[in-house]
């Protein structure tokens, strides 16, 4: 048997027969091999009619949601109007607990948004309380009561009813009470005492709270 002479370029493979390739590269236009019994995964084509039907369904859903929102809004407005028409608006009627709670919530939120001064201008508590008692008898007694434990002459003449501080002291905070004393509350019987100084407003607030600390309730 004659052995071919090896050259330098093929010295490593010279004399060794080449193994036959097990796998062959498929042609560029031939399909990829798949598992036995399975077809190649391909996305189904979407027709133009199907796309248009999906768009119409989405638009109908948006219109339905908008119509539902309008119905709910109209029903809410109607209930509010009917409720206002059935409410007794005279000053003889006692405000409901829900009305008092809602009005108090709005008042507190409004006053806090204004951010009035929360620092007391007072220093001597005893003299300030004595001055507050004089101011209360002069300006506040007719509505909020003077004699301890008895209602004021105008206790039931306003709506909402003026709080009776001789029966239940104010709960504070003092800076809020002082602000209300100076500026009043719209749509109530509480007037604005613009002629009062800030210090006198704090003296009155401390008096109706029964507070001896010049810094008041926070």
C-alpha atoms as a PDB file:
ATOM      1  CA  UNK A   1       0.000   0.000   0.000  1.00  0.00           C
ATOM      2  CA  UNK A   2       1.400   3.300  -1.064  1.00  0.00           C
ATOM      3  CA  UNK A   3       1.335   6.149   1.445  1.00  0.00           C
ATOM      4  CA  UNK A   4       1.193   9.669   0.085  1.00  0.00           C
ATOM      5  CA  UNK A   5       3.863  12.051   1.047  1.00  0.00           C
ATOM      6  CA  UNK A   6       2.773  14.600   3.640  1.00  0.00           C
ATOM      7  CA  UNK A   7       3.437  18.265   3.325  1.00  0.00           C
ATOM      8  CA  UNK A   8       3.900  20.797   6.153  1.00  0.00           C
ATOM      9  CA  UNK A   9       0.387  22.238   5.774  1.00  0.00           C
ATOM     10  CA  UNK A  10      -1.445  18.957   6.272  1.00  0.00           C
ATOM     11  CA  UNK A  11       0.989  17.196   8.558  1.00  0.00           C
ATOM     12  CA  UNK A  12      -1.572  16.762  11.417  1.00  0.00           C
ATOM     13  CA  UNK A  13      -4.261  15.194   9.242  1.00  0.00           C
ATOM     14  CA  UNK A  14      -2.122  13.370   6.761  1.00  0.00           C
ATOM     15  CA  UNK A  15      -2.895   9.671   6.619  1.00  0.00           C
ATOM     16  CA  UNK A  16      -5.964   9.940   8.816  1.00  0.00           C
ATOM     17  CA  UNK A  17      -9.211   9.282   6.964  1.00  0.00           C
ATOM     18  CA  UNK A  18     -11.853  11.986   7.348  1.00  0.00           C
ATOM     19  CA  UNK A  19     -14.941  11.029   9.307  1.00  0.00           C
ATOM     20  CA  UNK A  20     -18.218  11.238   7.490  1.00  0.00           C
ATOM     21  CA  UNK A  21     -20.410  14.134   8.697  1.00  0.00           C
ATOM     22  CA  UNK A  22     -23.506  13.016  10.567  1.00  0.00           C
ATOM     23  CA  UNK A  23     -25.475  16.275  10.155  1.00  0.00           C
ATOM     24  CA  UNK A  24     -25.631  18.319   7.053  1.00  0.00           C
ATOM     25  CA  UNK A  25     -26.493  22.004   6.804  1.00  0.00           C
ATOM     26  CA  UNK A  26     -29.972  22.466   5.397  1.00  0.00           C
ATOM     27  CA  UNK A  27     -30.488  24.535   2.332  1.00  0.00           C
ATOM     28  CA  UNK A  28     -31.302  28.171   2.809  1.00  0.00           C
ATOM     29  CA  UNK A  29     -34.866  27.770   1.537  1.00  0.00           C
ATOM     30  CA  UNK A  30     -35.667  24.528   3.357  1.00  0.00           C
ATOM     31  CA  UNK A  31     -37.819  24.576   6.573  1.00  0.00           C
ATOM     32  CA  UNK A  32     -36.210  24.157   9.995  1.00  0.00           C
ATOM     33  CA  UNK A  33     -36.399  20.672  11.457  1.00  0.00           C
ATOM     34  CA  UNK A  34     -39.107  20.146  14.056  1.00  0.00           C
ATOM     35  CA  UNK A  35     -40.028  17.448  16.540  1.00  0.00           C
ATOM     36  CA  UNK A  36     -41.778  14.439  15.170  1.00  0.00           C
ATOM     37  CA  UNK A  37     -45.560  14.973  14.947  1.00  0.00           C
ATOM     38  CA  UNK A  38     -45.396  18.772  15.456  1.00  0.00           C
ATOM     39  CA  UNK A  39     -45.821  21.529  12.923  1.00  0.00           C
ATOM     40  CA  UNK A  40     -43.681  24.673  12.838  1.00  0.00           C
ATOM     41  CA  UNK A  41     -44.980  27.521  15.060  1.00  0.00           C
ATOM     42  CA  UNK A  42     -46.314  30.328  12.923  1.00  0.00           C
ATOM     43  CA  UNK A  43     -48.514  33.316  13.927  1.00  0.00           C
ATOM     44  CA  UNK A  44     -51.951  33.152  12.311  1.00  0.00           C
ATOM     45  CA  UNK A  45     -52.577  36.058   9.972  1.00  0.00           C
ATOM     46  CA  UNK A  46     -55.061  38.730  11.163  1.00  0.00           C
ATOM     47  CA  UNK A  47     -57.510  39.797   8.550  1.00  0.00           C
ATOM     48  CA  UNK A  48     -58.558  43.381   8.048  1.00  0.00           C
ATOM     49  CA  UNK A  49     -62.128  42.585   9.054  1.00  0.00           C
ATOM     50  CA  UNK A  50     -60.959  41.113  12.375  1.00  0.00           C
ATOM     51  CA  UNK A  51     -58.889  44.215  13.207  1.00  0.00           C
ATOM     52  CA  UNK A  52     -61.778  46.527  12.365  1.00  0.00           C
ATOM     53  CA  UNK A  53     -64.158  44.456  14.523  1.00  0.00           C
ATOM     54  CA  UNK A  54     -61.733  44.700  17.485  1.00  0.00           C
ATOM     55  CA  UNK A  55     -61.502  48.490  17.098  1.00  0.00           C
ATOM     56  CA  UNK A  56     -65.299  48.796  16.968  1.00  0.00           C
ATOM     57  CA  UNK A  57     -65.620  46.700  20.129  1.00  0.00           C
ATOM     58  CA  UNK A  58     -63.120  48.931  21.961  1.00  0.00           C
ATOM     59  CA  UNK A  59     -64.945  52.092  20.880  1.00  0.00           C
ATOM     60  CA  UNK A  60     -68.293  50.673  22.010  1.00  0.00           C
ATOM     61  CA  UNK A  61     -66.755  49.864  25.414  1.00  0.00           C
ATOM     62  CA  UNK A  62     -65.496  53.449  25.799  1.00  0.00           C
ATOM     63  CA  UNK A  63     -68.912  54.863  24.856  1.00  0.00           C
ATOM     64  CA  UNK A  64     -70.596  52.534  27.349  1.00  0.00           C
ATOM     65  CA  UNK A  65     -68.268  53.652  30.156  1.00  0.00           C
ATOM     66  CA  UNK A  66     -68.862  57.341  29.352  1.00  0.00           C
ATOM     67  CA  UNK A  67     -72.626  56.817  29.295  1.00  0.00           C
ATOM     68  CA  UNK A  68     -72.496  55.018  32.645  1.00  0.00           C
ATOM     69  CA  UNK A  69     -70.475  57.879  34.179  1.00  0.00           C
ATOM     70  CA  UNK A  70     -73.015  60.436  32.925  1.00  0.00           C
ATOM     71  CA  UNK A  71     -75.907  58.463  34.377  1.00  0.00           C
ATOM     72  CA  UNK A  72     -74.194  58.200  37.788  1.00  0.00           C
ATOM     73  CA  UNK A  73     -73.321  61.934  37.800  1.00  0.00           C
ATOM     74  CA  UNK A  74     -76.870  62.944  36.827  1.00  0.00           C
ATOM     75  CA  UNK A  75     -78.346  60.663  39.504  1.00  0.00           C
ATOM     76  CA  UNK A  76     -76.028  62.125  42.165  1.00  0.00           C
ATOM     77  CA  UNK A  77     -76.968  65.694  41.230  1.00  0.00           C
ATOM     78  CA  UNK A  78     -80.657  64.785  41.263  1.00  0.00           C
ATOM     79  CA  UNK A  79     -80.381  63.236  44.730  1.00  0.00           C
ATOM     80  CA  UNK A  80     -78.566  66.335  46.040  1.00  0.00           C
ATOM     81  CA  UNK A  81     -81.236  68.659  44.620  1.00  0.00           C
ATOM     82  CA  UNK A  82     -84.064  66.538  46.046  1.00  0.00           C
ATOM     83  CA  UNK A  83     -82.287  66.431  49.401  1.00  0.00           C
ATOM     84  CA  UNK A  84     -81.889  70.208  49.490  1.00  0.00           C
ATOM     85  CA  UNK A  85     -85.532  70.708  48.595  1.00  0.00           C
ATOM     86  CA  UNK A  86     -86.665  68.473  51.432  1.00  0.00           C
ATOM     87  CA  UNK A  87     -84.361  70.011  54.083  1.00  0.00           C
ATOM     88  CA  UNK A  88     -85.905  72.570  56.411  1.00  0.00           C
ATOM     89  CA  UNK A  89     -83.891  75.756  55.840  1.00  0.00           C
ATOM     90  CA  UNK A  90     -85.482  77.770  58.645  1.00  0.00           C
ATOM     91  CA  UNK A  91     -83.561  78.680  61.777  1.00  0.00           C
ATOM     92  CA  UNK A  92     -86.100  76.752  63.857  1.00  0.00           C
ATOM     93  CA  UNK A  93     -84.804  73.401  62.595  1.00  0.00           C
ATOM     94  CA  UNK A  94     -82.013  71.632  64.406  1.00  0.00           C
ATOM     95  CA  UNK A  95     -79.051  70.817  62.118  1.00  0.00           C
ATOM     96  CA  UNK A  96     -78.472  67.104  61.685  1.00  0.00           C
ATOM     97  CA  UNK A  97     -75.352  65.435  63.035  1.00  0.00           C
ATOM     98  CA  UNK A  98     -74.152  64.815  59.474  1.00  0.00           C
ATOM     99  CA  UNK A  99     -74.603  68.503  58.631  1.00  0.00           C
ATOM    100  CA  UNK A 100     -72.706  69.606  61.732  1.00  0.00           C
ATOM    101  CA  UNK A 101     -69.886  67.129  61.072  1.00  0.00           C
ATOM    102  CA  UNK A 102     -69.540  68.133  57.423  1.00  0.00           C
ATOM    103  CA  UNK A 103     -69.641  71.869  58.166  1.00  0.00           C
ATOM    104  CA  UNK A 104     -67.047  71.493  60.934  1.00  0.00           C
ATOM    105  CA  UNK A 105     -64.803  69.465  58.632  1.00  0.00           C
ATOM    106  CA  UNK A 106     -64.927  72.102  55.898  1.00  0.00           C
ATOM    107  CA  UNK A 107     -64.370  74.942  58.367  1.00  0.00           C
ATOM    108  CA  UNK A 108     -61.302  73.309  59.901  1.00  0.00           C
ATOM    109  CA  UNK A 109     -59.843  72.519  56.480  1.00  0.00           C
ATOM    110  CA  UNK A 110     -60.396  76.095  55.291  1.00  0.00           C
ATOM    111  CA  UNK A 111     -58.842  77.685  58.372  1.00  0.00           C
ATOM    112  CA  UNK A 112     -55.811  75.376  58.195  1.00  0.00           C
ATOM    113  CA  UNK A 113     -55.320  76.258  54.530  1.00  0.00           C
ATOM    114  CA  UNK A 114     -55.107  79.961  55.466  1.00  0.00           C
ATOM    115  CA  UNK A 115     -52.330  79.132  57.965  1.00  0.00           C
ATOM    116  CA  UNK A 116     -53.038  81.745  60.655  1.00  0.00           C
ATOM    117  CA  UNK A 117     -50.494  82.597  63.320  1.00  0.00           C
ATOM    118  CA  UNK A 118     -50.291  79.725  65.808  1.00  0.00           C
ATOM    119  CA  UNK A 119     -47.969  81.457  68.274  1.00  0.00           C
ATOM    120  CA  UNK A 120     -49.533  83.133  71.290  1.00  0.00           C
ATOM    121  CA  UNK A 121     -48.849  86.862  71.735  1.00  0.00           C
ATOM    122  CA  UNK A 122     -49.593  86.576  75.476  1.00  0.00           C
ATOM    123  CA  UNK A 123     -47.180  86.232  78.374  1.00  0.00           C
ATOM    124  CA  UNK A 124     -49.042  86.806  81.705  1.00  0.00           C
ATOM    125  CA  UNK A 125     -51.835  84.258  82.023  1.00  0.00           C
ATOM    126  CA  UNK A 126     -53.672  85.595  85.113  1.00  0.00           C
ATOM    127  CA  UNK A 127     -54.143  89.155  83.849  1.00  0.00           C
ATOM    128  CA  UNK A 128     -55.000  87.911  80.393  1.00  0.00           C
ATOM    129  CA  UNK A 129     -57.770  85.653  81.695  1.00  0.00           C
ATOM    130  CA  UNK A 130     -59.254  88.532  83.681  1.00  0.00           C
ATOM    131  CA  UNK A 131     -59.287  90.693  80.570  1.00  0.00           C
ATOM    132  CA  UNK A 132     -60.846  87.814  78.616  1.00  0.00           C
ATOM    133  CA  UNK A 133     -63.710  87.566  81.117  1.00  0.00           C
ATOM    134  CA  UNK A 134     -64.534  91.261  80.654  1.00  0.00           C
ATOM    135  CA  UNK A 135     -64.496  90.975  76.870  1.00  0.00           C
ATOM    136  CA  UNK A 136     -66.680  87.868  76.979  1.00  0.00           C
ATOM    137  CA  UNK A 137     -69.387  89.535  79.063  1.00  0.00           C
ATOM    138  CA  UNK A 138     -69.416  92.562  76.768  1.00  0.00           C
ATOM    139  CA  UNK A 139     -69.407  90.850  73.366  1.00  0.00           C
ATOM    140  CA  UNK A 140     -70.210  87.142  73.668  1.00  0.00           C
ATOM    141  CA  UNK A 141     -72.625  86.489  76.536  1.00  0.00           C
ATOM    142  CA  UNK A 142     -75.897  87.069  74.647  1.00  0.00           C
ATOM    143  CA  UNK A 143     -75.159  84.213  72.246  1.00  0.00           C
ATOM    144  CA  UNK A 144     -72.814  81.911  74.145  1.00  0.00           C
ATOM    145  CA  UNK A 145     -74.132  82.303  77.710  1.00  0.00           C
ATOM    146  CA  UNK A 146     -73.059  84.276  80.774  1.00  0.00           C
ATOM    147  CA  UNK A 147     -74.470  82.493  83.812  1.00  0.00           C
ATOM    148  CA  UNK A 148     -72.699  79.214  84.439  1.00  0.00           C
ATOM    149  CA  UNK A 149     -74.868  76.262  83.359  1.00  0.00           C
ATOM    150  CA  UNK A 150     -77.649  78.316  81.700  1.00  0.00           C
ATOM    151  CA  UNK A 151     -78.400  78.858  78.030  1.00  0.00           C
ATOM    152  CA  UNK A 152     -77.897  82.284  76.477  1.00  0.00           C
ATOM    153  CA  UNK A 153     -80.925  84.368  75.362  1.00  0.00           C
ATOM    154  CA  UNK A 154     -80.077  83.720  71.686  1.00  0.00           C
ATOM    155  CA  UNK A 155     -78.948  80.128  72.150  1.00  0.00           C
ATOM    156  CA  UNK A 156     -81.717  78.769  69.881  1.00  0.00           C
ATOM    157  CA  UNK A 157     -82.186  81.777  67.612  1.00  0.00           C
ATOM    158  CA  UNK A 158     -79.396  80.978  65.152  1.00  0.00           C
ATOM    159  CA  UNK A 159     -78.737  78.068  62.858  1.00  0.00           C
ATOM    160  CA  UNK A 160     -76.313  76.497  63.402  1.00  0.00           C
ATOM    161  CA  UNK A 161     -76.752  76.906  67.136  1.00  0.00           C
ATOM    162  CA  UNK A 162     -74.036  78.963  68.871  1.00  0.00           C
ATOM    163  CA  UNK A 163     -71.997  76.779  71.248  1.00  0.00           C
ATOM    164  CA  UNK A 164     -72.735  77.380  74.932  1.00  0.00           C
ATOM    165  CA  UNK A 165     -69.314  77.765  76.499  1.00  0.00           C
ATOM    166  CA  UNK A 166     -70.786  78.146  79.989  1.00  0.00           C
ATOM    167  CA  UNK A 167     -71.992  74.531  79.646  1.00  0.00           C
ATOM    168  CA  UNK A 168     -69.258  72.993  77.507  1.00  0.00           C
ATOM    169  CA  UNK A 169     -65.926  74.834  77.068  1.00  0.00           C
ATOM    170  CA  UNK A 170     -64.361  75.156  73.633  1.00  0.00           C
ATOM    171  CA  UNK A 171     -62.044  72.321  72.646  1.00  0.00           C
ATOM    172  CA  UNK A 172     -59.477  74.391  70.743  1.00  0.00           C
ATOM    173  CA  UNK A 173     -56.945  74.594  69.322  1.00  0.00           C
ATOM    174  CA  UNK A 174     -56.606  78.123  70.674  1.00  0.00           C
ATOM    175  CA  UNK A 175     -55.131  79.609  67.492  1.00  0.00           C
ATOM    176  CA  UNK A 176     -58.206  78.443  65.546  1.00  0.00           C
ATOM    177  CA  UNK A 177     -60.636  79.869  68.123  1.00  0.00           C
ATOM    178  CA  UNK A 178     -58.772  83.184  68.089  1.00  0.00           C
ATOM    179  CA  UNK A 179     -58.971  83.293  64.286  1.00  0.00           C
ATOM    180  CA  UNK A 180     -62.732  82.612  64.315  1.00  0.00           C
ATOM    181  CA  UNK A 181     -63.262  85.319  66.952  1.00  0.00           C
ATOM    182  CA  UNK A 182     -61.473  87.893  64.832  1.00  0.00           C
ATOM    183  CA  UNK A 183     -62.880  86.960  61.413  1.00  0.00           C
ATOM    184  CA  UNK A 184     -66.209  85.246  62.095  1.00  0.00           C
ATOM    185  CA  UNK A 185     -67.792  82.429  60.067  1.00  0.00           C
ATOM    186  CA  UNK A 186     -69.809  83.013  56.939  1.00  0.00           C
ATOM    187  CA  UNK A 187     -73.417  81.699  56.773  1.00  0.00           C
ATOM    188  CA  UNK A 188     -73.619  81.496  60.565  1.00  0.00           C
ATOM    189  CA  UNK A 189     -74.482  83.908  63.348  1.00  0.00           C
ATOM    190  CA  UNK A 190     -70.808  84.342  64.241  1.00  0.00           C
ATOM    191  CA  UNK A 191     -69.779  87.929  63.371  1.00  0.00           C
ATOM    192  CA  UNK A 192     -66.272  89.206  62.765  1.00  0.00           C
ATOM    193  CA  UNK A 193     -64.767  91.311  65.559  1.00  0.00           C
ATOM    194  CA  UNK A 194     -62.239  93.193  63.458  1.00  0.00           C
ATOM    195  CA  UNK A 195     -61.756  95.857  66.122  1.00  0.00           C
ATOM    196  CA  UNK A 196     -60.243  93.273  68.491  1.00  0.00           C
ATOM    197  CA  UNK A 197     -56.492  93.018  68.575  1.00  0.00           C
ATOM    198  CA  UNK A 198     -54.844  89.656  68.107  1.00  0.00           C
ATOM    199  CA  UNK A 199     -53.949  89.616  71.809  1.00  0.00           C
ATOM    200  CA  UNK A 200     -57.579  90.232  72.854  1.00  0.00           C
ATOM    201  CA  UNK A 201     -58.762  87.508  70.483  1.00  0.00           C
ATOM    202  CA  UNK A 202     -56.364  85.100  72.183  1.00  0.00           C
ATOM    203  CA  UNK A 203     -57.595  86.253  75.617  1.00  0.00           C
ATOM    204  CA  UNK A 204     -61.177  85.465  74.600  1.00  0.00           C
ATOM    205  CA  UNK A 205     -60.148  82.119  73.134  1.00  0.00           C
ATOM    206  CA  UNK A 206     -58.364  81.168  76.360  1.00  0.00           C
ATOM    207  CA  UNK A 207     -61.406  82.194  78.391  1.00  0.00           C
ATOM    208  CA  UNK A 208     -63.956  80.133  76.423  1.00  0.00           C
ATOM    209  CA  UNK A 209     -61.590  77.164  76.644  1.00  0.00           C
ATOM    210  CA  UNK A 210     -61.056  77.556  80.393  1.00  0.00           C
ATOM    211  CA  UNK A 211     -57.332  77.476  79.672  1.00  0.00           C
ATOM    212  CA  UNK A 212     -54.780  79.129  81.941  1.00  0.00           C
ATOM    213  CA  UNK A 213     -51.707  78.413  79.844  1.00  0.00           C
ATOM    214  CA  UNK A 214     -50.975  81.530  77.723  1.00  0.00           C
ATOM    215  CA  UNK A 215     -49.828  79.284  74.857  1.00  0.00           C
ATOM    216  CA  UNK A 216     -53.282  77.708  74.794  1.00  0.00           C
ATOM    217  CA  UNK A 217     -54.254  74.369  73.266  1.00  0.00           C
ATOM    218  CA  UNK A 218     -52.413  73.198  70.204  1.00  0.00           C
END
